[in-house]
Amino acid sequence: MTVPGLLILIGSYLMGAVISLWWLPEIPGAVIGILLLVAVLSLLGRIPDYLSRTSATLLQYLPLILAVPALGIVSADKLPPPQWLGLIAAITLSLLITVPFCGWLLQRLIQRRKSK
């Protein structure tokens, strides 16, 4: 993990948090920060090596990061039924959106790699 890569990730998060605090309170700062980072990297046209190494290191710990929300859902057994329906609807909707998108993105990346 490199310090410049970590600073870029933390900086994009903080910029997103500030934007969320001042202008868009309904959108989480982390989401805005990621969108800003994606926009900058898209304009740059590549991912710097130091950012790639840092993100690869952090991706190793992704299951640990996702364990907390998963445990929160599992331990939410005392929720009233209307909230369970909302939770199930949100999980189903996110699954129906993200799985096809990930498949499309993977196919596009494979085609891009073949063309190079």
Protein backbone atom coordinates (compact mmCIF):
# COMPACT_ATOMS: atom_id res chain seq x y z
CA MET A 1 0.00 0.00 0.00
CA THR A 2 1.35 3.41 -0.92
CA VAL A 3 0.84 6.67 0.93
CA PRO A 4 -0.13 8.73 -2.18
CA GLY A 5 -2.77 6.17 -3.13
CA LEU A 6 -4.19 6.14 0.38
CA LEU A 7 -4.22 9.95 0.48
CA ILE A 8 -6.13 10.08 -2.81
CA LEU A 9 -8.75 7.64 -1.51
CA ILE A 10 -9.12 9.50 1.78
CA GLY A 11 -9.18 12.85 -0.02
CA SER A 12 -11.93 11.75 -2.39
CA TYR A 13 -13.94 10.51 0.59
CA LEU A 14 -13.47 13.81 2.43
CA MET A 15 -14.44 15.86 -0.64
CA GLY A 16 -17.56 13.75 -0.96
CA ALA A 17 -18.34 14.24 2.72
CA VAL A 18 -18.01 18.02 2.40
CA ILE A 19 -20.21 18.10 -0.72
CA SER A 20 -22.76 15.93 1.05
CA LEU A 21 -22.71 18.15 4.11
CA TRP A 22 -23.08 21.43 2.23
CA TRP A 23 -25.08 20.68 -0.92
CA LEU A 24 -26.41 17.13 -1.16
CA PRO A 25 -27.31 15.86 2.32
CA GLU A 26 -29.51 13.09 0.95
CA ILE A 27 -26.55 11.35 -0.76
CA PRO A 28 -23.86 9.76 1.44
CA GLY A 29 -20.44 11.39 1.24
CA ALA A 30 -18.74 8.10 0.43
CA VAL A 31 -20.90 7.68 -2.68
CA ILE A 32 -20.15 11.22 -3.85
CA GLY A 33 -16.43 10.67 -3.19
CA ILE A 34 -16.38 7.49 -5.25
CA LEU A 35 -18.22 9.21 -8.10
CA LEU A 36 -15.70 12.06 -8.01
CA LEU A 37 -12.81 9.59 -8.07
CA VAL A 38 -14.34 7.68 -11.00
CA ALA A 39 -14.89 10.94 -12.89
CA VAL A 40 -11.28 12.06 -12.36
CA LEU A 41 -9.90 8.67 -13.35
CA SER A 42 -12.13 8.62 -16.43
CA LEU A 43 -10.80 12.01 -17.49
CA LEU A 44 -7.26 10.82 -16.81
CA GLY A 45 -7.88 7.72 -18.90
CA ARG A 46 -5.86 5.41 -16.67
CA ILE A 47 -5.35 4.40 -13.06
CA PRO A 48 -2.03 5.49 -11.58
CA ASP A 49 0.14 2.62 -10.38
CA TYR A 50 0.24 3.80 -6.77
CA LEU A 51 -3.56 4.01 -6.64
CA SER A 52 -3.88 0.58 -8.23
CA ARG A 53 -1.54 -0.98 -5.65
CA THR A 54 -3.35 0.68 -2.76
CA SER A 55 -6.79 -0.37 -3.96
CA ALA A 56 -5.60 -3.93 -4.59
CA THR A 57 -4.35 -4.11 -1.01
CA LEU A 58 -7.62 -2.77 0.38
CA LEU A 59 -9.71 -5.12 -1.77
CA GLN A 60 -8.21 -8.06 0.13
CA TYR A 61 -10.13 -6.83 3.19
CA LEU A 62 -13.46 -6.23 1.44
CA PRO A 63 -15.16 -9.27 3.02
CA LEU A 64 -14.35 -7.89 6.47
CA ILE A 65 -15.86 -4.53 5.55
CA LEU A 66 -19.04 -6.19 4.26
CA ALA A 67 -19.40 -8.42 7.32
CA VAL A 68 -20.74 -5.59 9.50
CA PRO A 69 -23.78 -4.74 7.31
CA ALA A 70 -24.47 -8.45 6.79
CA LEU A 71 -24.50 -9.03 10.54
CA GLY A 72 -26.79 -6.05 10.97
CA ILE A 73 -29.28 -7.58 8.55
CA VAL A 74 -29.08 -10.99 10.20
CA SER A 75 -29.53 -9.54 13.69
CA ALA A 76 -32.53 -7.44 12.65
CA ASP A 77 -34.96 -10.19 13.61
CA LYS A 78 -37.00 -7.85 15.83
CA LEU A 79 -38.04 -5.58 12.97
CA PRO A 80 -41.76 -5.19 12.33
CA PRO A 81 -43.04 -6.84 9.12
CA PRO A 82 -43.38 -3.60 7.09
CA GLN A 83 -39.70 -2.88 7.63
CA TRP A 84 -38.79 -6.44 6.64
CA LEU A 85 -40.68 -5.97 3.39
CA GLY A 86 -38.74 -2.78 2.69
CA LEU A 87 -35.45 -4.50 3.51
CA ILE A 88 -36.23 -7.46 1.26
CA ALA A 89 -37.34 -5.12 -1.54
CA ALA A 90 -34.13 -3.07 -1.26
CA ILE A 91 -31.93 -6.18 -1.31
CA THR A 92 -33.81 -7.68 -4.25
CA LEU A 93 -33.74 -4.45 -6.24
CA SER A 94 -30.03 -3.94 -5.64
CA LEU A 95 -29.37 -7.53 -6.69
CA LEU A 96 -31.41 -7.14 -9.89
CA ILE A 97 -29.49 -3.98 -10.78
CA THR A 98 -25.94 -4.89 -9.78
CA VAL A 99 -25.66 -8.44 -11.12
CA PRO A 100 -26.54 -7.55 -14.75
CA PHE A 101 -24.40 -4.41 -14.54
CA CYS A 102 -21.39 -6.39 -13.27
CA GLY A 103 -21.87 -8.93 -16.06
CA TRP A 104 -22.06 -6.19 -18.68
CA LEU A 105 -19.00 -4.46 -17.23
CA LEU A 106 -16.99 -7.69 -17.15
CA GLN A 107 -17.83 -8.43 -20.80
CA ARG A 108 -16.82 -4.93 -21.77
CA LEU A 109 -13.51 -5.18 -19.91
CA ILE A 110 -12.77 -8.56 -21.51
CA GLN A 111 -13.43 -7.13 -24.98
CA ARG A 112 -11.23 -4.14 -24.16
CA ARG A 113 -8.38 -6.39 -23.07
CA LYS A 114 -8.70 -8.51 -26.23
CA SER A 115 -8.54 -5.44 -28.45
CA LYS A 116 -5.25 -4.27 -26.87
